[in-house]
Amino acid sequence: MVHLFCYGPLGKPCERGWLGVHLWPLSYNCIMDLLVYSDTWCPDCRTAKRFLEKHNISYKEINIESTPGAAEEVIRQTGKRAIPQFVIDGRWVQPYRPGEGFLYEEMSALLGLVDEG
């Protein structure tokens, strides 16, 4: 599994066992596993992966076309065939909104990223 150490809103390691700005509790030392369900033809998926890479966030990619059962798992978990999908410690998160694109602010807060600007 890929592990990501989370940081709080001030860029310091999270000490309370919560992720980012305390949006969701973690049960163990602020370490999380991040999966990204995606495909090469998906422009929103490329945007999501660029966002993670820009912030040096490790993830494991699951290609829904080449991984047996992956597309069905997305449908089972979300009720639709919508990618990209993040799975953070088993919790499914859609990092974009159809017609609006990638949710930069929401994902930054969720992942505990600090705005350096």
C-alpha atoms as a PDB file:
ATOM      1  CA  MET A   1       0.000   0.000   0.000  1.00  0.00           C
ATOM      2  CA  VAL A   2       0.998   3.609  -0.553  1.00  0.00           C
ATOM      3  CA  HIS A   3       1.099   5.722   2.615  1.00  0.00           C
ATOM      4  CA  LEU A   4       0.716   9.483   2.885  1.00  0.00           C
ATOM      5  CA  PHE A   5       1.522  11.422   6.040  1.00  0.00           C
ATOM      6  CA  CYS A   6      -0.963  14.214   6.480  1.00  0.00           C
ATOM      7  CA  TYR A   7      -0.260  17.759   7.549  1.00  0.00           C
ATOM      8  CA  GLY A   8      -2.558  20.203   9.256  1.00  0.00           C
ATOM      9  CA  PRO A   9      -3.593  23.619   7.966  1.00  0.00           C
ATOM     10  CA  LEU A  10      -0.343  25.248   9.125  1.00  0.00           C
ATOM     11  CA  GLY A  11       1.862  22.722   7.354  1.00  0.00           C
ATOM     12  CA  LYS A  12       2.814  20.936  10.574  1.00  0.00           C
ATOM     13  CA  PRO A  13       2.294  17.209  11.070  1.00  0.00           C
ATOM     14  CA  CYS A  14      -1.197  16.587  12.325  1.00  0.00           C
ATOM     15  CA  GLU A  15      -0.997  15.602  16.012  1.00  0.00           C
ATOM     16  CA  ARG A  16      -4.626  15.010  16.925  1.00  0.00           C
ATOM     17  CA  GLY A  17      -5.243  12.056  14.625  1.00  0.00           C
ATOM     18  CA  TRP A  18      -7.284  14.136  12.194  1.00  0.00           C
ATOM     19  CA  LEU A  19      -6.697  14.761   8.511  1.00  0.00           C
ATOM     20  CA  GLY A  20      -6.118  18.275   7.214  1.00  0.00           C
ATOM     21  CA  VAL A  21      -8.544  20.779   8.679  1.00  0.00           C
ATOM     22  CA  HIS A  22     -10.284  18.199  10.872  1.00  0.00           C
ATOM     23  CA  LEU A  23     -12.789  17.195   8.203  1.00  0.00           C
ATOM     24  CA  TRP A  24     -12.518  13.522   8.942  1.00  0.00           C
ATOM     25  CA  PRO A  25     -11.007  11.525  11.757  1.00  0.00           C
ATOM     26  CA  LEU A  26      -8.310   8.955  11.187  1.00  0.00           C
ATOM     27  CA  SER A  27      -7.979   6.055  13.552  1.00  0.00           C
ATOM     28  CA  TYR A  28      -4.188   5.732  13.440  1.00  0.00           C
ATOM     29  CA  ASN A  29      -1.389   8.271  13.550  1.00  0.00           C
ATOM     30  CA  CYS A  30      -2.502  10.340  10.578  1.00  0.00           C
ATOM     31  CA  ILE A  31      -1.233   7.923   7.895  1.00  0.00           C
ATOM     32  CA  MET A  32      -3.538   7.253   4.984  1.00  0.00           C
ATOM     33  CA  ASP A  33      -3.707   5.104   1.881  1.00  0.00           C
ATOM     34  CA  LEU A  34      -4.679   6.887  -1.324  1.00  0.00           C
ATOM     35  CA  LEU A  35      -6.032   5.114  -4.385  1.00  0.00           C
ATOM     36  CA  VAL A  36      -6.966   6.914  -7.593  1.00  0.00           C
ATOM     37  CA  TYR A  37      -9.418   5.212  -9.954  1.00  0.00           C
ATOM     38  CA  SER A  38      -8.799   6.663 -13.414  1.00  0.00           C
ATOM     39  CA  ASP A  39      -8.089   6.011 -17.084  1.00  0.00           C
ATOM     40  CA  THR A  40      -5.819   7.476 -19.745  1.00  0.00           C
ATOM     41  CA  TRP A  41      -8.688   8.870 -21.856  1.00  0.00           C
ATOM     42  CA  CYS A  42     -10.077  10.897 -18.930  1.00  0.00           C
ATOM     43  CA  PRO A  43      -9.003  14.590 -18.840  1.00  0.00           C
ATOM     44  CA  ASP A  44     -10.350  15.069 -15.276  1.00  0.00           C
ATOM     45  CA  CYS A  45      -8.202  12.107 -14.202  1.00  0.00           C
ATOM     46  CA  ARG A  46      -5.090  13.739 -15.656  1.00  0.00           C
ATOM     47  CA  THR A  47      -5.922  16.948 -13.772  1.00  0.00           C
ATOM     48  CA  ALA A  48      -6.393  15.048 -10.496  1.00  0.00           C
ATOM     49  CA  LYS A  49      -3.093  13.183 -10.886  1.00  0.00           C
ATOM     50  CA  ARG A  50      -1.236  16.404 -11.791  1.00  0.00           C
ATOM     51  CA  PHE A  51      -2.630  17.986  -8.620  1.00  0.00           C
ATOM     52  CA  LEU A  52      -1.362  15.090  -6.482  1.00  0.00           C
ATOM     53  CA  GLU A  53       2.019  15.049  -8.208  1.00  0.00           C
ATOM     54  CA  LYS A  54       2.414  18.828  -7.865  1.00  0.00           C
ATOM     55  CA  HIS A  55       2.027  18.411  -4.112  1.00  0.00           C
ATOM     56  CA  ASN A  56       4.241  15.298  -3.938  1.00  0.00           C
ATOM     57  CA  ILE A  57       1.354  13.177  -2.721  1.00  0.00           C
ATOM     58  CA  SER A  58       1.904   9.469  -3.294  1.00  0.00           C
ATOM     59  CA  TYR A  59      -0.940   7.394  -4.635  1.00  0.00           C
ATOM     60  CA  LYS A  60      -1.675   4.066  -6.239  1.00  0.00           C
ATOM     61  CA  GLU A  61      -3.462   4.342  -9.569  1.00  0.00           C
ATOM     62  CA  ILE A  62      -6.117   1.837 -10.581  1.00  0.00           C
ATOM     63  CA  ASN A  63      -6.945   1.990 -14.281  1.00  0.00           C
ATOM     64  CA  ILE A  64     -10.613   1.082 -14.729  1.00  0.00           C
ATOM     65  CA  GLU A  65     -10.083  -0.270 -18.244  1.00  0.00           C
ATOM     66  CA  SER A  66      -7.088  -2.529 -17.590  1.00  0.00           C
ATOM     67  CA  THR A  67      -7.756  -3.670 -14.012  1.00  0.00           C
ATOM     68  CA  PRO A  68     -10.332  -6.463 -13.897  1.00  0.00           C
ATOM     69  CA  GLY A  69     -13.337  -5.492 -11.810  1.00  0.00           C
ATOM     70  CA  ALA A  70     -12.220  -1.875 -11.242  1.00  0.00           C
ATOM     71  CA  ALA A  71     -14.999  -0.238 -13.273  1.00  0.00           C
ATOM     72  CA  GLU A  72     -17.561  -2.414 -11.526  1.00  0.00           C
ATOM     73  CA  GLU A  73     -16.112  -1.422  -8.134  1.00  0.00           C
ATOM     74  CA  VAL A  74     -16.485   2.279  -8.983  1.00  0.00           C
ATOM     75  CA  ILE A  75     -20.116   1.685  -9.951  1.00  0.00           C
ATOM     76  CA  ARG A  76     -20.739  -0.410  -6.829  1.00  0.00           C
ATOM     77  CA  GLN A  77     -19.263   2.251  -4.536  1.00  0.00           C
ATOM     78  CA  THR A  78     -20.587   5.402  -6.213  1.00  0.00           C
ATOM     79  CA  GLY A  79     -23.654   4.273  -8.142  1.00  0.00           C
ATOM     80  CA  LYS A  80     -22.183   5.578 -11.403  1.00  0.00           C
ATOM     81  CA  ARG A  81     -19.238   5.139 -13.717  1.00  0.00           C
ATOM     82  CA  ALA A  82     -17.572   8.407 -12.773  1.00  0.00           C
ATOM     83  CA  ILE A  83     -13.831   8.928 -12.655  1.00  0.00           C
ATOM     84  CA  PRO A  84     -11.568  10.095 -11.214  1.00  0.00           C
ATOM     85  CA  GLN A  85     -12.361   8.786  -7.769  1.00  0.00           C
ATOM     86  CA  PHE A  86     -10.080   9.060  -4.744  1.00  0.00           C
ATOM     87  CA  VAL A  87     -10.250   6.391  -2.076  1.00  0.00           C
ATOM     88  CA  ILE A  88      -8.627   7.661   1.104  1.00  0.00           C
ATOM     89  CA  ASP A  89      -8.425   5.040   3.826  1.00  0.00           C
ATOM     90  CA  GLY A  90     -11.377   3.248   2.274  1.00  0.00           C
ATOM     91  CA  ARG A  91     -13.487   6.385   1.985  1.00  0.00           C
ATOM     92  CA  TRP A  92     -14.600   7.299  -1.547  1.00  0.00           C
ATOM     93  CA  VAL A  93     -14.257  10.933  -2.611  1.00  0.00           C
ATOM     94  CA  GLN A  94     -15.122  12.411  -5.999  1.00  0.00           C
ATOM     95  CA  PRO A  95     -12.448  15.108  -6.523  1.00  0.00           C
ATOM     96  CA  TYR A  96     -14.331  16.963  -9.245  1.00  0.00           C
ATOM     97  CA  ARG A  97     -17.804  18.241  -9.957  1.00  0.00           C
ATOM     98  CA  PRO A  98     -19.254  17.584 -13.430  1.00  0.00           C
ATOM     99  CA  GLY A  99     -19.389  20.820 -15.392  1.00  0.00           C
ATOM    100  CA  GLU A 100     -17.144  22.595 -12.873  1.00  0.00           C
ATOM    101  CA  GLY A 101     -13.956  20.512 -12.937  1.00  0.00           C
ATOM    102  CA  PHE A 102     -11.454  19.610 -10.252  1.00  0.00           C
ATOM    103  CA  LEU A 103     -12.257  20.785  -6.718  1.00  0.00           C
ATOM    104  CA  TYR A 104      -8.899  22.368  -5.890  1.00  0.00           C
ATOM    105  CA  GLU A 105      -9.912  24.095  -2.644  1.00  0.00           C
ATOM    106  CA  GLU A 106     -11.866  21.152  -1.277  1.00  0.00           C
ATOM    107  CA  MET A 107      -9.120  18.642  -2.103  1.00  0.00           C
ATOM    108  CA  SER A 108      -6.433  20.935  -0.681  1.00  0.00           C
ATOM    109  CA  ALA A 109      -8.356  21.198   2.587  1.00  0.00           C
ATOM    110  CA  LEU A 110      -9.109  17.485   2.663  1.00  0.00           C
ATOM    111  CA  LEU A 111      -5.457  16.577   2.130  1.00  0.00           C
ATOM    112  CA  GLY A 112      -4.179  19.205   4.560  1.00  0.00           C
ATOM    113  CA  LEU A 113      -2.314  21.254   1.967  1.00  0.00           C
ATOM    114  CA  VAL A 114      -1.183  24.769   2.759  1.00  0.00           C
ATOM    115  CA  ASP A 115      -1.597  27.647   0.300  1.00  0.00           C
ATOM    116  CA  GLU A 116       1.880  29.075  -0.136  1.00  0.00           C
ATOM    117  CA  GLY A 117       0.615  32.067  -2.088  1.00  0.00           C
END
